[in-house]
Amino acid sequence: MTDVSRVRVAGPLEPFAAGFAVELVRQGYASQPAAQQLRLMAHVSRWLAAGGRQAAGLNAVTVDVFVVSRRAAGYSNHLTGDALRPLLVYLRGLGVVAEEDVLVPDGPVEVALERYRRYLLVERGLSVITARVYVDAVRPFLAGRVSSDRRRLDLGGLRVADVTMFVVGRCPALSHAAAKQTTTALRSLLVYLHVAGEISRPLAGAVPSVAGWRLTGLPRGLDPGQVQALLASCARDTVNGCRDFAILTMLVRLGVRAGEVAALSLDDVNWHAGEITVCGKGNRCERLPLPADVGEASQQASHATRATPHCRHAPTSSRSRHLSHRALARPRASRNDTDLPPRRPRPQGTRPRQNQAPRHHTRPLPPARQAPRVPRSPVIMPTSTPAITAPTRNPNPTSA
């Protein structure tokens, strides 16, 4: 927990630091938030002293300049003018700082927005920042309803089509979050206008919703230049490069899935007919024509694999067409299995390792701790019906 008394304030605001700390505690601030406010006060005081300013010089313009300098100094918190509101309110109460100038709204749009802002703050209980965001979002809507003489708002003739036209015309140019914020603020404004009697019927339900679907469109293909750059990145003088070039060529030319390429085997390629059999989803197999470049790249990869001694791609018992970078000791389990981990081969001439003994204690207990042995009693049948007990009799009494 941070001690408020440890924060030192030097400069023009030093005489007011102790009283400001008491005021923060009186308002219910905890130790850490109160200490943050005092550190902010200390920064303001140092900034005023560096610029040769006095405490009475704090106003809206000065606060904006201080915020810009605080951001440039690398601070990560209290980067808006609202962070200085507790300090300014305290200094105004002492008469050190002049009262904030009240801006008189000018024009029908600003008058309506001021009433709407007051409605949000008083009736709806929104914060100052949220009310400001709502007001800024609906300002273009009210600006489009100004009459020809620029003296009043034409809200009596507002229709559903006007609301829809505004949303459709403005939201496509906004981001998804900004579009949702605009529609939410517009619904709130329309509710206020209906409550205030500015419009005769509720129109909040006429505001269309913003679609938030993801990954709904078709995937975009690569440009020809990107495809050529991808193919050119394969080092075809190595085994892995030849293999990668063959796989990429097949993906580009045939349009198959990665799992379908990984599941190909030597039996799926018919070189005489120039066809290749691809097994896709739902165990559906299709025969596709084998383009010349795909066949050439595949043959080059196969020849490079066989010509390289001690290659990791050496043929195994699997007839997979395109093996992974590590040799596989078994066929792939499914089409989704594109890179199975290797299974270490057992050295020749060694016996397979037996299962390990369990980790728990399996030695016999000493005789003192063993349970007494209970003699086994003969099985007594619950009934003596011949039809039931006949199968249990010994068919060969002499062998007993």
Protein backbone atom coordinates (compact mmCIF):
# COMPACT_ATOMS: atom_id res chain seq x y z
CA MET A 1 0.00 0.00 0.00
CA THR A 2 1.36 3.42 -1.00
CA ASP A 3 1.71 6.07 1.71
CA VAL A 4 0.31 9.45 0.60
CA SER A 5 2.69 11.33 2.89
CA ARG A 6 5.69 10.07 0.91
CA VAL A 7 4.73 12.01 -2.22
CA ARG A 8 6.62 15.29 -2.37
CA VAL A 9 5.25 18.25 -4.33
CA ALA A 10 7.62 21.10 -5.20
CA GLY A 11 6.85 24.25 -7.15
CA PRO A 12 3.87 26.58 -7.35
CA LEU A 13 1.43 23.92 -6.11
CA GLU A 14 3.44 22.95 -3.00
CA PRO A 15 1.32 25.03 -0.56
CA PHE A 16 -1.83 23.18 -1.66
CA ALA A 17 -0.49 19.60 -1.56
CA ALA A 18 -1.39 18.81 2.06
CA GLY A 19 -4.93 20.14 1.73
CA PHE A 20 -5.42 18.27 -1.55
CA ALA A 21 -4.37 15.00 0.11
CA VAL A 22 -6.88 15.57 2.93
CA GLU A 23 -9.61 16.33 0.36
CA LEU A 24 -8.89 13.12 -1.54
CA VAL A 25 -9.17 11.06 1.64
CA ARG A 26 -12.41 12.84 2.53
CA GLN A 27 -13.86 11.96 -0.87
CA GLY A 28 -13.13 8.27 -0.28
CA TYR A 29 -9.97 7.79 -2.34
CA ALA A 30 -7.89 4.78 -1.39
CA SER A 31 -4.18 5.15 -0.67
CA GLN A 32 -2.92 4.15 -4.10
CA PRO A 33 -5.34 6.28 -6.21
CA ALA A 34 -4.76 9.23 -3.88
CA ALA A 35 -1.00 8.83 -4.28
CA GLN A 36 -1.40 8.77 -8.07
CA GLN A 37 -3.34 12.04 -7.94
CA LEU A 38 -0.60 13.60 -5.81
CA ARG A 39 2.10 12.42 -8.22
CA LEU A 40 0.13 13.98 -11.04
CA MET A 41 -0.08 17.20 -9.01
CA ALA A 42 3.69 17.08 -8.49
CA HIS A 43 4.23 16.69 -12.22
CA VAL A 44 1.96 19.65 -12.96
CA SER A 45 3.78 21.74 -10.39
CA ARG A 46 7.20 20.90 -11.86
CA TRP A 47 5.89 21.66 -15.36
CA LEU A 48 4.55 25.03 -14.23
CA ALA A 49 7.83 25.90 -12.54
CA ALA A 50 9.85 24.92 -15.62
CA GLY A 51 7.75 27.23 -17.78
CA GLY A 52 7.74 30.11 -15.32
CA ARG A 53 3.98 29.85 -14.75
CA GLN A 54 1.97 30.27 -11.57
CA ALA A 55 -0.87 28.17 -10.21
CA ALA A 56 -3.42 30.74 -11.36
CA GLY A 57 -2.38 30.10 -14.95
CA LEU A 58 -4.11 26.70 -15.06
CA ASN A 59 -6.95 26.81 -17.56
CA ALA A 60 -8.33 24.67 -20.40
CA VAL A 61 -5.58 25.70 -22.82
CA THR A 62 -2.81 25.14 -20.28
CA VAL A 63 -4.17 21.72 -19.37
CA ASP A 64 -4.16 20.64 -23.02
CA VAL A 65 -0.55 21.76 -23.42
CA PHE A 66 0.44 19.89 -20.26
CA VAL A 67 -1.24 16.69 -21.47
CA VAL A 68 0.66 16.85 -24.75
CA SER A 69 3.97 17.33 -22.94
CA ARG A 70 3.16 14.46 -20.55
CA ARG A 71 2.56 12.12 -23.48
CA ALA A 72 5.79 13.24 -25.12
CA ALA A 73 7.66 12.52 -21.88
CA GLY A 74 6.68 8.84 -22.10
CA TYR A 75 4.05 8.61 -19.38
CA SER A 76 1.50 5.82 -19.81
CA ASN A 77 -1.29 6.99 -17.47
CA HIS A 78 -3.33 10.14 -16.86
CA LEU A 79 -2.98 11.31 -20.44
CA THR A 80 -6.25 13.27 -20.75
CA GLY A 81 -7.60 16.47 -19.31
CA ASP A 82 -10.16 14.54 -17.28
CA ALA A 83 -7.35 13.20 -15.08
CA LEU A 84 -6.76 16.73 -13.78
CA ARG A 85 -10.40 17.33 -12.92
CA PRO A 86 -10.07 16.52 -9.14
CA LEU A 87 -7.10 18.90 -8.86
CA LEU A 88 -8.82 21.68 -10.82
CA VAL A 89 -12.02 21.35 -8.79
CA TYR A 90 -10.04 21.62 -5.56
CA LEU A 91 -8.08 24.67 -6.74
CA ARG A 92 -11.25 26.36 -8.00
CA GLY A 93 -12.84 25.81 -4.63
CA LEU A 94 -9.94 27.67 -3.01
CA GLY A 95 -10.17 30.47 -5.55
CA VAL A 96 -6.68 29.79 -6.89
CA VAL A 97 -7.86 28.89 -10.39
CA ALA A 98 -10.60 30.78 -12.22
CA GLU A 99 -13.89 29.06 -12.86
CA GLU A 100 -14.26 27.18 -16.12
CA ASP A 101 -15.79 29.18 -18.90
CA VAL A 102 -19.24 27.93 -19.79
CA LEU A 103 -19.65 27.62 -23.52
CA VAL A 104 -23.04 28.77 -24.75
CA PRO A 105 -24.31 26.49 -27.52
CA ASP A 106 -24.73 28.27 -30.81
CA GLY A 107 -27.14 27.09 -33.50
CA PRO A 108 -30.06 24.64 -33.43
CA VAL A 109 -27.80 21.59 -33.66
CA GLU A 110 -25.63 22.52 -30.66
CA VAL A 111 -28.69 23.50 -28.60
CA ALA A 112 -30.32 20.12 -29.26
CA LEU A 113 -27.07 18.29 -28.52
CA GLU A 114 -26.64 20.14 -25.23
CA ARG A 115 -30.13 19.10 -24.15
CA TYR A 116 -29.41 15.53 -25.21
CA ARG A 117 -26.12 15.55 -23.31
CA ARG A 118 -27.87 16.77 -20.17
CA TYR A 119 -30.44 14.01 -20.59
CA LEU A 120 -27.69 11.41 -20.77
CA LEU A 121 -25.92 12.75 -17.68
CA VAL A 122 -28.97 13.32 -15.47
CA GLU A 123 -31.66 10.91 -16.63
CA ARG A 124 -29.55 8.02 -17.89
CA GLY A 125 -26.62 8.41 -15.46
CA LEU A 126 -23.89 8.12 -18.09
CA SER A 127 -20.38 9.37 -17.48
CA VAL A 128 -19.08 12.55 -19.03
CA ILE A 129 -16.85 10.71 -21.49
CA THR A 130 -19.62 8.35 -22.64
CA ALA A 131 -22.04 11.24 -23.06
CA ARG A 132 -19.46 13.06 -25.16
CA VAL A 133 -19.01 10.00 -27.39
CA TYR A 134 -22.77 9.71 -27.90
CA VAL A 135 -23.09 13.41 -28.73
CA ASP A 136 -20.27 13.30 -31.26
CA ALA A 137 -21.76 10.19 -32.90
CA VAL A 138 -25.22 11.74 -33.52
CA ARG A 139 -24.04 15.24 -34.48
CA PRO A 140 -23.97 14.41 -38.24
CA PHE A 141 -27.53 13.07 -38.04
CA LEU A 142 -28.91 16.27 -36.51
CA ALA A 143 -26.80 18.40 -38.86
CA GLY A 144 -28.66 16.83 -41.76
CA ARG A 145 -32.04 17.84 -40.32
CA VAL A 146 -31.42 21.60 -40.25
CA SER A 147 -34.08 23.61 -42.05
CA SER A 148 -33.36 25.80 -45.06
CA ASP A 149 -33.26 29.00 -42.98
CA ARG A 150 -30.66 27.41 -40.60
CA ARG A 151 -32.72 28.40 -37.54
CA ARG A 152 -34.42 25.18 -36.48
CA LEU A 153 -34.38 21.40 -36.84
CA ASP A 154 -36.91 19.66 -39.05
CA LEU A 155 -37.74 16.71 -36.78
CA GLY A 156 -41.51 16.66 -37.23
CA GLY A 157 -41.24 15.02 -40.64
CA LEU A 158 -38.65 12.43 -39.61
CA ARG A 159 -39.44 9.04 -41.17
CA VAL A 160 -38.14 5.52 -40.97
CA ALA A 161 -36.56 5.90 -44.40
CA ASP A 162 -34.56 8.91 -43.20
CA VAL A 163 -33.10 6.93 -40.30
CA THR A 164 -32.23 3.97 -42.50
CA MET A 165 -30.72 6.21 -45.18
CA PHE A 166 -28.43 7.88 -42.64
CA VAL A 167 -27.16 4.56 -41.26
CA VAL A 168 -26.64 3.03 -44.70
CA GLY A 169 -24.85 6.11 -45.98
CA ARG A 170 -22.56 6.68 -42.99
CA CYS A 171 -21.67 3.30 -41.49
CA PRO A 172 -19.84 1.76 -44.50
CA ALA A 173 -17.09 4.37 -44.12
CA LEU A 174 -16.62 3.55 -40.42
CA SER A 175 -14.97 0.67 -38.67
CA HIS A 176 -17.07 -2.08 -37.17
CA ALA A 177 -16.75 -0.68 -33.64
CA ALA A 178 -17.48 2.89 -34.73
CA ALA A 179 -20.51 1.75 -36.75
CA LYS A 180 -21.95 -0.10 -33.75
CA GLN A 181 -21.31 2.96 -31.57
CA THR A 182 -23.12 5.17 -34.09
CA THR A 183 -26.21 2.96 -34.24
CA THR A 184 -26.32 2.66 -30.44
CA ALA A 185 -26.09 6.43 -29.99
CA LEU A 186 -28.69 7.00 -32.70
CA ARG A 187 -31.17 4.71 -30.96
CA SER A 188 -30.58 6.59 -27.71
CA LEU A 189 -31.14 9.93 -29.47
CA LEU A 190 -34.38 8.75 -31.05
CA VAL A 191 -35.64 7.57 -27.65
CA TYR A 192 -34.82 10.99 -26.20
CA LEU A 193 -36.56 12.83 -29.04
CA HIS A 194 -39.69 10.75 -28.55
CA VAL A 195 -39.68 11.29 -24.76
CA ALA A 196 -39.12 15.03 -25.24
CA GLY A 197 -41.99 15.25 -27.72
CA GLU A 198 -39.83 16.25 -30.68
CA ILE A 199 -41.09 13.31 -32.76
CA SER A 200 -44.59 11.85 -32.67
CA ARG A 201 -43.75 8.13 -32.77
CA PRO A 202 -40.82 5.99 -31.57
CA LEU A 203 -38.24 5.34 -34.26
CA ALA A 204 -35.51 3.61 -32.27
CA GLY A 205 -36.55 0.25 -33.68
CA ALA A 206 -35.99 1.55 -37.22
CA VAL A 207 -32.22 1.73 -36.73
CA PRO A 208 -30.72 -1.29 -38.51
CA SER A 209 -28.18 -3.44 -36.73
CA VAL A 210 -24.55 -3.63 -37.78
CA ALA A 211 -23.55 -7.03 -39.08
CA GLY A 212 -20.65 -8.48 -37.14
CA TRP A 213 -19.99 -11.67 -39.08
CA ARG A 214 -16.46 -12.92 -39.39
CA LEU A 215 -14.94 -15.10 -42.08
CA THR A 216 -18.16 -15.05 -44.09
CA GLY A 217 -16.61 -14.26 -47.44
CA LEU A 218 -14.69 -16.56 -49.71
CA PRO A 219 -10.97 -16.77 -48.98
CA ARG A 220 -8.86 -14.56 -51.18
CA GLY A 221 -6.44 -16.26 -53.49
CA LEU A 222 -2.84 -15.26 -53.95
CA ASP A 223 -1.82 -12.99 -56.76
CA PRO A 224 0.25 -14.54 -59.58
CA GLY A 225 3.26 -12.56 -58.41
CA GLN A 226 2.90 -13.90 -54.88
CA VAL A 227 2.60 -17.47 -56.18
CA GLN A 228 5.74 -17.11 -58.27
CA ALA A 229 7.62 -15.64 -55.32
CA LEU A 230 6.48 -18.53 -53.13
CA LEU A 231 7.61 -21.13 -55.67
CA ALA A 232 10.91 -19.34 -56.23
CA SER A 233 11.67 -19.48 -52.50
CA CYS A 234 12.05 -23.28 -52.66
CA ALA A 235 15.70 -24.35 -52.85
CA ARG A 236 15.34 -26.95 -55.61
CA ASP A 237 18.96 -28.05 -55.27
CA THR A 238 18.07 -29.79 -51.99
CA VAL A 239 15.78 -32.70 -51.24
CA ASN A 240 13.49 -30.68 -49.00
CA GLY A 241 13.31 -27.89 -51.57
CA CYS A 242 12.25 -30.28 -54.33
CA ARG A 243 9.63 -31.80 -52.08
CA ASP A 244 8.27 -28.39 -51.07
CA PHE A 245 8.18 -27.23 -54.68
CA ALA A 246 6.22 -30.33 -55.72
CA ILE A 247 3.68 -29.87 -52.91
CA LEU A 248 3.21 -26.16 -53.60
CA THR A 249 2.82 -26.79 -57.32
CA MET A 250 0.14 -29.36 -56.64
CA LEU A 251 -1.69 -27.03 -54.27
CA VAL A 252 -1.63 -24.18 -56.78
CA ARG A 253 -2.46 -26.10 -59.94
CA LEU A 254 -4.98 -28.61 -58.61
CA GLY A 255 -6.57 -26.57 -55.83
CA VAL A 256 -6.56 -29.48 -53.37
CA ARG A 257 -6.29 -29.32 -49.60
CA ALA A 258 -3.09 -29.80 -47.65
CA GLY A 259 -4.43 -32.95 -46.01
CA GLU A 260 -5.35 -34.41 -49.40
CA VAL A 261 -1.82 -33.86 -50.69
CA ALA A 262 -0.36 -35.44 -47.55
CA ALA A 263 -2.59 -38.51 -48.01
CA LEU A 264 -1.45 -39.19 -51.59
CA SER A 265 0.36 -42.43 -52.23
CA LEU A 266 2.21 -43.88 -55.19
CA ASP A 267 -0.83 -45.90 -56.14
CA ASP A 268 -2.91 -42.73 -56.62
CA VAL A 269 -0.88 -41.55 -59.65
CA ASN A 270 -1.59 -43.11 -63.04
CA TRP A 271 1.30 -41.98 -65.20
CA HIS A 272 0.07 -43.72 -68.37
CA ALA A 273 -3.36 -42.08 -68.26
CA GLY A 274 -2.05 -38.79 -66.88
CA GLU A 275 -4.48 -38.85 -63.94
CA ILE A 276 -4.28 -38.56 -60.19
CA THR A 277 -6.82 -39.81 -57.66
CA VAL A 278 -7.55 -37.44 -54.78
CA CYS A 279 -9.56 -38.62 -51.77
CA GLY A 280 -11.29 -35.73 -50.04
CA LYS A 281 -13.89 -35.26 -47.37
CA GLY A 282 -16.54 -37.89 -46.83
CA ASN A 283 -14.28 -40.61 -48.33
CA ARG A 284 -15.04 -39.20 -51.77
CA CYS A 285 -12.37 -39.95 -54.36
CA GLU A 286 -12.08 -37.97 -57.57
CA ARG A 287 -9.83 -38.48 -60.57
CA LEU A 288 -8.17 -35.30 -61.75
CA PRO A 289 -5.98 -34.67 -64.78
CA LEU A 290 -2.31 -34.50 -63.95
CA PRO A 291 -0.79 -31.32 -65.43
CA ALA A 292 2.66 -31.56 -66.95
CA ASP A 293 4.30 -29.17 -64.47
CA VAL A 294 2.81 -31.04 -61.51
CA GLY A 295 4.04 -34.38 -62.82
CA GLU A 296 7.49 -32.98 -63.58
CA ALA A 297 7.85 -31.45 -60.13
CA SER A 298 6.66 -34.68 -58.49
CA GLN A 299 9.10 -36.81 -60.47
CA GLN A 300 11.95 -34.46 -59.68
CA ALA A 301 11.18 -34.73 -55.96
CA SER A 302 11.06 -38.55 -56.18
CA HIS A 303 14.36 -38.76 -58.08
CA ALA A 304 16.06 -36.39 -55.64
CA THR A 305 14.88 -38.50 -52.71
CA ARG A 306 16.10 -41.77 -54.20
CA ALA A 307 19.41 -40.34 -55.42
CA THR A 308 20.36 -38.94 -52.01
CA PRO A 309 22.15 -41.54 -49.85
CA HIS A 310 21.19 -41.79 -46.19
CA CYS A 311 18.31 -39.37 -46.80
CA ARG A 312 15.66 -38.85 -44.20
CA HIS A 313 13.10 -39.34 -46.96
CA ALA A 314 14.32 -42.84 -47.72
CA PRO A 315 11.51 -45.18 -48.74
CA THR A 316 9.83 -46.94 -45.86
CA SER A 317 7.03 -49.43 -45.66
CA SER A 318 4.63 -46.53 -46.33
CA ARG A 319 3.89 -45.68 -49.97
CA SER A 320 3.15 -42.06 -49.18
CA ARG A 321 3.83 -39.81 -52.11
CA HIS A 322 4.97 -36.76 -50.14
CA LEU A 323 6.60 -37.64 -46.84
CA SER A 324 7.26 -35.17 -44.05
CA HIS A 325 10.65 -33.72 -43.25
CA ARG A 326 11.16 -36.63 -40.86
CA ALA A 327 10.92 -40.23 -41.93
CA LEU A 328 7.68 -41.99 -41.09
CA ALA A 329 7.62 -45.54 -39.81
CA ARG A 330 3.89 -46.00 -40.47
CA PRO A 331 1.29 -44.61 -42.85
CA ARG A 332 -0.56 -41.46 -41.97
CA ALA A 333 -3.59 -41.97 -39.79
CA SER A 334 -5.89 -39.56 -41.65
CA ARG A 335 -5.99 -36.81 -44.23
CA ASN A 336 -5.60 -34.25 -41.43
CA ASP A 337 -2.36 -35.87 -40.32
CA THR A 338 0.08 -33.71 -42.26
CA ASP A 339 3.17 -33.99 -40.07
CA LEU A 340 3.27 -36.99 -37.76
CA PRO A 341 6.11 -37.20 -35.26
CA PRO A 342 8.64 -39.95 -36.00
CA ARG A 343 8.72 -43.24 -34.18
CA ARG A 344 12.26 -44.17 -33.28
CA PRO A 345 13.28 -47.45 -34.99
CA ARG A 346 14.47 -50.21 -32.70
CA PRO A 347 18.15 -51.14 -33.25
CA GLN A 348 18.62 -54.41 -35.10
CA GLY A 349 19.31 -57.39 -32.95
CA THR A 350 17.73 -55.97 -29.78
CA ARG A 351 14.65 -57.27 -28.04
CA PRO A 352 11.63 -55.03 -27.59
CA ARG A 353 11.50 -53.40 -24.20
CA GLN A 354 9.00 -54.89 -21.81
CA ASN A 355 6.44 -52.79 -20.02
CA GLN A 356 7.85 -50.99 -17.05
CA ALA A 357 6.87 -52.06 -13.58
CA PRO A 358 4.28 -49.89 -11.89
CA ARG A 359 5.58 -47.12 -9.68
CA HIS A 360 3.58 -48.20 -6.62
CA HIS A 361 4.94 -50.69 -4.08
CA THR A 362 4.26 -54.28 -5.19
CA ARG A 363 6.37 -56.31 -2.74
CA PRO A 364 4.45 -58.72 -0.47
CA LEU A 365 3.56 -57.46 2.96
CA PRO A 366 5.16 -59.04 6.02
CA PRO A 367 3.21 -61.89 7.64
CA ALA A 368 2.21 -59.70 10.57
CA ARG A 369 0.42 -57.27 8.26
CA GLN A 370 -1.19 -59.83 5.97
CA ALA A 371 -4.91 -60.44 6.24
CA PRO A 372 -5.94 -63.85 7.59
CA ARG A 373 -6.75 -66.38 4.94
CA VAL A 374 -10.39 -67.41 4.85
CA PRO A 375 -10.98 -71.05 3.85
CA ARG A 376 -12.98 -71.38 0.65
CA SER A 377 -16.40 -72.87 1.17
CA PRO A 378 -18.13 -75.02 -1.44
CA VAL A 379 -20.59 -73.25 -3.67
CA ILE A 380 -24.14 -73.77 -2.47
CA MET A 381 -26.74 -73.51 -5.17
CA PRO A 382 -29.81 -71.50 -4.21
CA THR A 383 -32.13 -74.18 -5.63
CA SER A 384 -32.01 -77.88 -6.21
CA THR A 385 -34.22 -78.00 -9.25
CA PRO A 386 -32.87 -80.70 -11.59
CA ALA A 387 -33.36 -78.50 -14.65
CA ILE A 388 -31.09 -75.85 -13.15
CA THR A 389 -28.48 -77.92 -11.41
CA ALA A 390 -28.09 -80.48 -14.18
CA PRO A 391 -25.61 -78.42 -16.23
CA THR A 392 -23.40 -77.98 -13.15
CA ARG A 393 -23.00 -81.70 -12.46
CA ASN A 394 -19.81 -83.42 -13.41
CA PRO A 395 -20.52 -85.41 -16.58
CA ASN A 396 -17.68 -87.79 -15.78
CA PRO A 397 -17.95 -88.82 -12.11
CA THR A 398 -15.04 -91.19 -12.37
CA SER A 399 -12.65 -88.34 -13.19
CA ALA A 400 -13.44 -86.50 -10.00
